[in-house]
């Protein structure tokens, strides 16, 4: 349900921001969607995960565990970016390629 609401919110934001523009292409739709970004709830969830991870990193002294935490941080960031791109692809899938 949250994905549907987020997708609709992003779609409406994309439509509203380019309502007077010429017909969009897939690339321009993806750029517009990336500018809008994920929902506030997704951003809060990402910020909370990063804050929790940074707290763990600040308390840790073991080099091996710090390396694991850095890997986990990279994974969290990559997942956030992948989810955003996946949502934008879903929103823009019906737009023409050229």
N, C-alpha and C. Protein backbone atom coordinates (compact mmCIF):
# COMPACT_ATOMS: atom_id res chain seq x y z
N UNK A 1 0.83 -1.19 0.00
CA UNK A 1 0.00 0.00 0.00
C UNK A 1 0.87 1.26 0.00
N UNK A 2 1.93 1.25 0.83
CA UNK A 2 2.82 2.42 0.87
C UNK A 2 3.50 2.65 -0.47
N UNK A 3 3.87 1.55 -1.17
CA UNK A 3 4.52 1.70 -2.47
C UNK A 3 3.58 2.36 -3.47
N UNK A 4 2.32 1.99 -3.41
CA UNK A 4 1.33 2.56 -4.33
C UNK A 4 1.16 4.05 -4.05
N UNK A 5 1.04 4.40 -2.78
CA UNK A 5 0.87 5.81 -2.41
C UNK A 5 2.10 6.61 -2.81
N UNK A 6 3.28 6.04 -2.56
CA UNK A 6 4.52 6.72 -2.93
C UNK A 6 4.61 6.90 -4.44
N UNK A 7 4.27 5.83 -5.19
CA UNK A 7 4.33 5.90 -6.64
C UNK A 7 3.36 6.96 -7.17
N UNK A 8 2.17 6.99 -6.62
CA UNK A 8 1.20 8.00 -7.06
C UNK A 8 1.65 9.40 -6.72
N UNK A 9 2.23 9.58 -5.53
CA UNK A 9 2.71 10.91 -5.14
C UNK A 9 3.81 11.37 -6.07
N UNK A 10 4.75 10.48 -6.38
CA UNK A 10 5.83 10.85 -7.29
C UNK A 10 5.31 11.11 -8.70
N UNK A 11 4.37 10.28 -9.14
CA UNK A 11 3.80 10.49 -10.47
C UNK A 11 3.09 11.84 -10.56
N UNK A 12 2.32 12.17 -9.56
CA UNK A 12 1.63 13.46 -9.55
C UNK A 12 2.62 14.61 -9.49
N UNK A 13 3.67 14.46 -8.71
CA UNK A 13 4.68 15.51 -8.64
C UNK A 13 5.37 15.69 -9.98
N UNK A 14 5.68 14.58 -10.63
CA UNK A 14 6.31 14.66 -11.95
C UNK A 14 5.37 15.32 -12.96
N UNK A 15 4.12 14.93 -12.94
CA UNK A 15 3.14 15.50 -13.86
C UNK A 15 2.97 16.99 -13.59
N UNK A 16 2.84 17.35 -12.32
CA UNK A 16 2.63 18.76 -11.96
C UNK A 16 3.83 19.61 -12.33
N UNK A 17 5.03 19.09 -12.17
CA UNK A 17 6.21 19.89 -12.45
C UNK A 17 6.45 20.07 -13.94
N UNK A 18 5.88 19.19 -14.76
CA UNK A 18 6.08 19.28 -16.20
C UNK A 18 4.77 19.36 -16.96
N UNK A 19 3.75 19.93 -16.36
CA UNK A 19 2.43 19.97 -16.99
C UNK A 19 2.43 20.78 -18.27
N UNK A 20 3.23 21.83 -18.33
CA UNK A 20 3.24 22.69 -19.51
C UNK A 20 4.37 22.36 -20.47
N UNK A 21 5.19 21.39 -20.15
CA UNK A 21 6.32 21.03 -21.00
C UNK A 21 5.85 20.21 -22.20
N UNK A 22 6.75 20.12 -23.18
CA UNK A 22 6.49 19.28 -24.35
C UNK A 22 6.40 17.82 -23.90
N UNK A 23 5.87 16.96 -24.74
CA UNK A 23 5.77 15.55 -24.36
C UNK A 23 7.13 15.02 -23.88
N UNK A 24 7.09 14.31 -22.79
CA UNK A 24 8.31 13.82 -22.17
C UNK A 24 8.82 12.56 -22.85
N UNK A 25 10.11 12.38 -22.67
CA UNK A 25 10.72 11.13 -23.06
C UNK A 25 11.03 10.37 -21.78
N UNK A 26 11.42 9.14 -21.95
CA UNK A 26 11.75 8.31 -20.79
C UNK A 26 12.88 8.96 -19.97
N UNK A 27 13.89 9.47 -20.65
CA UNK A 27 15.03 10.09 -19.96
C UNK A 27 14.62 11.32 -19.17
N UNK A 28 13.79 12.17 -19.75
CA UNK A 28 13.37 13.37 -19.02
C UNK A 28 12.46 13.02 -17.86
N UNK A 29 11.67 11.97 -18.03
CA UNK A 29 10.81 11.52 -16.93
C UNK A 29 11.67 11.00 -15.79
N UNK A 30 12.70 10.21 -16.11
CA UNK A 30 13.59 9.67 -15.08
C UNK A 30 14.32 10.80 -14.34
N UNK A 31 14.77 11.81 -15.08
CA UNK A 31 15.46 12.95 -14.44
C UNK A 31 14.51 13.70 -13.52
N UNK A 32 13.29 13.94 -13.98
CA UNK A 32 12.31 14.64 -13.16
C UNK A 32 11.97 13.84 -11.90
N UNK A 33 11.83 12.55 -12.06
CA UNK A 33 11.51 11.69 -10.92
C UNK A 33 12.67 11.68 -9.92
N UNK A 34 13.90 11.63 -10.42
CA UNK A 34 15.06 11.63 -9.53
C UNK A 34 15.16 12.95 -8.76
N UNK A 35 14.77 14.06 -9.40
CA UNK A 35 14.79 15.36 -8.72
C UNK A 35 13.80 15.38 -7.56
N UNK A 36 12.63 14.80 -7.79
CA UNK A 36 11.60 14.76 -6.74
C UNK A 36 12.06 13.84 -5.62
N UNK A 37 12.64 12.71 -5.99
CA UNK A 37 13.16 11.78 -5.00
C UNK A 37 12.09 10.97 -4.30
N UNK A 38 12.52 10.13 -3.36
CA UNK A 38 11.57 9.28 -2.65
C UNK A 38 10.69 10.07 -1.70
N UNK A 39 9.70 9.40 -1.17
CA UNK A 39 8.76 10.05 -0.25
C UNK A 39 9.46 10.45 1.04
N UNK A 40 8.81 11.32 1.78
CA UNK A 40 9.35 11.75 3.07
C UNK A 40 9.53 10.57 4.01
N UNK A 41 8.59 9.63 3.96
CA UNK A 41 8.68 8.45 4.83
C UNK A 41 9.92 7.62 4.50
N UNK A 42 10.19 7.43 3.21
CA UNK A 42 11.38 6.68 2.81
C UNK A 42 12.65 7.41 3.21
N UNK A 43 12.65 8.73 3.06
CA UNK A 43 13.83 9.52 3.46
C UNK A 43 14.04 9.45 4.97
N UNK A 44 12.97 9.48 5.74
CA UNK A 44 13.09 9.37 7.19
C UNK A 44 13.62 8.00 7.58
N UNK A 45 13.13 6.97 6.92
CA UNK A 45 13.59 5.61 7.20
C UNK A 45 15.08 5.48 6.88
N UNK A 46 15.49 6.03 5.75
CA UNK A 46 16.91 6.00 5.36
C UNK A 46 17.75 6.78 6.37
N UNK A 47 17.30 7.96 6.76
CA UNK A 47 18.05 8.78 7.73
C UNK A 47 18.17 8.06 9.07
N UNK A 48 17.10 7.38 9.49
CA UNK A 48 17.14 6.64 10.76
C UNK A 48 18.16 5.50 10.69
N UNK A 49 18.15 4.77 9.58
CA UNK A 49 19.12 3.67 9.41
C UNK A 49 20.55 4.19 9.43
N UNK A 50 20.77 5.31 8.75
CA UNK A 50 22.12 5.87 8.71
C UNK A 50 22.54 6.39 10.08
N UNK A 51 21.63 7.02 10.81
CA UNK A 51 21.95 7.53 12.14
C UNK A 51 22.28 6.38 13.09
N UNK A 52 21.51 5.31 13.02
CA UNK A 52 21.77 4.13 13.85
C UNK A 52 23.14 3.55 13.53
N UNK A 53 23.43 3.45 12.25
CA UNK A 53 24.72 2.91 11.82
C UNK A 53 25.87 3.81 12.28
N UNK A 54 25.70 5.13 12.15
CA UNK A 54 26.75 6.06 12.59
C UNK A 54 26.97 5.98 14.10
N UNK A 55 25.91 5.75 14.86
CA UNK A 55 26.06 5.56 16.31
C UNK A 55 26.90 4.31 16.59
N UNK A 56 26.60 3.24 15.88
CA UNK A 56 27.36 2.00 16.05
C UNK A 56 28.82 2.22 15.68
N UNK A 57 29.06 2.94 14.57
CA UNK A 57 30.43 3.19 14.13
C UNK A 57 31.21 4.03 15.15
N UNK A 58 30.54 5.00 15.76
CA UNK A 58 31.23 5.86 16.72
C UNK A 58 31.60 5.12 18.00
N UNK A 59 30.86 4.07 18.32
CA UNK A 59 31.13 3.29 19.54
C UNK A 59 32.12 2.15 19.30
N UNK A 60 32.34 1.81 18.06
CA UNK A 60 33.16 0.64 17.72
C UNK A 60 34.63 1.01 17.59
N UNK A 61 35.50 0.13 18.07
CA UNK A 61 36.94 0.34 17.95
C UNK A 61 37.63 -0.78 17.19
N UNK A 62 36.99 -1.93 17.10
CA UNK A 62 37.57 -3.09 16.41
C UNK A 62 37.61 -2.82 14.90
N UNK A 63 38.81 -2.86 14.30
CA UNK A 63 38.93 -2.57 12.86
C UNK A 63 38.08 -3.50 11.97
N UNK A 64 37.97 -4.77 12.36
CA UNK A 64 37.16 -5.70 11.56
C UNK A 64 35.68 -5.32 11.60
N UNK A 65 35.20 -4.99 12.77
CA UNK A 65 33.79 -4.60 12.90
C UNK A 65 33.54 -3.27 12.20
N UNK A 66 34.51 -2.35 12.27
CA UNK A 66 34.36 -1.08 11.55
C UNK A 66 34.27 -1.32 10.04
N UNK A 67 35.06 -2.25 9.55
CA UNK A 67 35.01 -2.58 8.12
C UNK A 67 33.65 -3.17 7.77
N UNK A 68 33.12 -4.02 8.64
CA UNK A 68 31.79 -4.59 8.40
C UNK A 68 30.73 -3.50 8.39
N UNK A 69 30.87 -2.54 9.30
CA UNK A 69 29.89 -1.45 9.36
C UNK A 69 29.98 -0.58 8.11
N UNK A 70 31.18 -0.38 7.59
CA UNK A 70 31.32 0.40 6.35
C UNK A 70 30.67 -0.33 5.18
N UNK A 71 30.82 -1.66 5.15
CA UNK A 71 30.16 -2.44 4.11
C UNK A 71 28.64 -2.34 4.24
N UNK A 72 28.17 -2.39 5.47
CA UNK A 72 26.73 -2.28 5.71
C UNK A 72 26.22 -0.90 5.29
N UNK A 73 27.03 0.13 5.57
CA UNK A 73 26.66 1.49 5.16
C UNK A 73 26.53 1.58 3.64
N UNK A 74 27.50 1.03 2.94
CA UNK A 74 27.46 1.05 1.47
C UNK A 74 26.23 0.29 0.97
N UNK A 75 25.89 -0.80 1.63
CA UNK A 75 24.72 -1.59 1.25
C UNK A 75 23.43 -0.80 1.46
N UNK A 76 23.33 -0.09 2.57
CA UNK A 76 22.13 0.72 2.86
C UNK A 76 21.98 1.82 1.81
N UNK A 77 23.07 2.48 1.49
CA UNK A 77 23.03 3.57 0.50
C UNK A 77 22.65 3.02 -0.87
N UNK A 78 23.26 1.90 -1.25
CA UNK A 78 22.96 1.30 -2.55
C UNK A 78 21.50 0.87 -2.64
N UNK A 79 20.98 0.28 -1.58
CA UNK A 79 19.57 -0.15 -1.58
C UNK A 79 18.64 1.05 -1.72
N UNK A 80 18.94 2.15 -1.02
CA UNK A 80 18.13 3.36 -1.11
C UNK A 80 18.12 3.90 -2.54
N UNK A 81 19.29 3.94 -3.16
CA UNK A 81 19.39 4.43 -4.53
C UNK A 81 18.68 3.49 -5.51
N UNK A 82 18.86 2.18 -5.31
CA UNK A 82 18.20 1.20 -6.19
C UNK A 82 16.68 1.28 -6.08
N UNK A 83 16.18 1.41 -4.84
CA UNK A 83 14.73 1.51 -4.65
C UNK A 83 14.16 2.76 -5.33
N UNK A 84 14.89 3.86 -5.23
CA UNK A 84 14.46 5.10 -5.88
C UNK A 84 14.43 4.93 -7.39
N UNK A 85 15.48 4.33 -7.94
CA UNK A 85 15.54 4.12 -9.38
C UNK A 85 14.43 3.17 -9.84
N UNK A 86 14.19 2.13 -9.08
CA UNK A 86 13.14 1.15 -9.43
C UNK A 86 11.78 1.83 -9.46
N UNK A 87 11.51 2.68 -8.49
CA UNK A 87 10.24 3.40 -8.44
C UNK A 87 10.12 4.34 -9.65
N UNK A 88 11.19 5.05 -9.97
CA UNK A 88 11.16 5.96 -11.12
C UNK A 88 10.95 5.19 -12.42
N UNK A 89 11.59 4.03 -12.56
CA UNK A 89 11.38 3.22 -13.76
C UNK A 89 9.92 2.79 -13.87
N UNK A 90 9.32 2.45 -12.73
CA UNK A 90 7.91 2.05 -12.71
C UNK A 90 7.02 3.21 -13.16
N UNK A 91 7.29 4.40 -12.64
CA UNK A 91 6.51 5.58 -12.99
C UNK A 91 6.66 5.94 -14.46
N UNK A 92 7.88 5.84 -14.97
CA UNK A 92 8.18 6.33 -16.32
C UNK A 92 8.07 5.26 -17.41
N UNK A 93 7.68 4.05 -17.07
CA UNK A 93 7.71 2.96 -18.03
C UNK A 93 6.82 3.19 -19.26
N UNK A 94 5.80 4.01 -19.17
CA UNK A 94 4.91 4.22 -20.30
C UNK A 94 5.31 5.38 -21.20
N UNK A 95 6.35 6.10 -20.85
CA UNK A 95 6.76 7.25 -21.67
C UNK A 95 7.61 6.78 -22.84
N UNK A 96 7.55 7.51 -23.96
CA UNK A 96 8.31 7.11 -25.13
C UNK A 96 9.83 7.24 -24.91
N UNK A 97 10.58 6.37 -25.56
CA UNK A 97 12.04 6.39 -25.42
C UNK A 97 12.66 7.63 -26.05
N UNK A 98 12.12 8.09 -27.13
CA UNK A 98 12.68 9.26 -27.82
C UNK A 98 11.66 10.34 -28.01
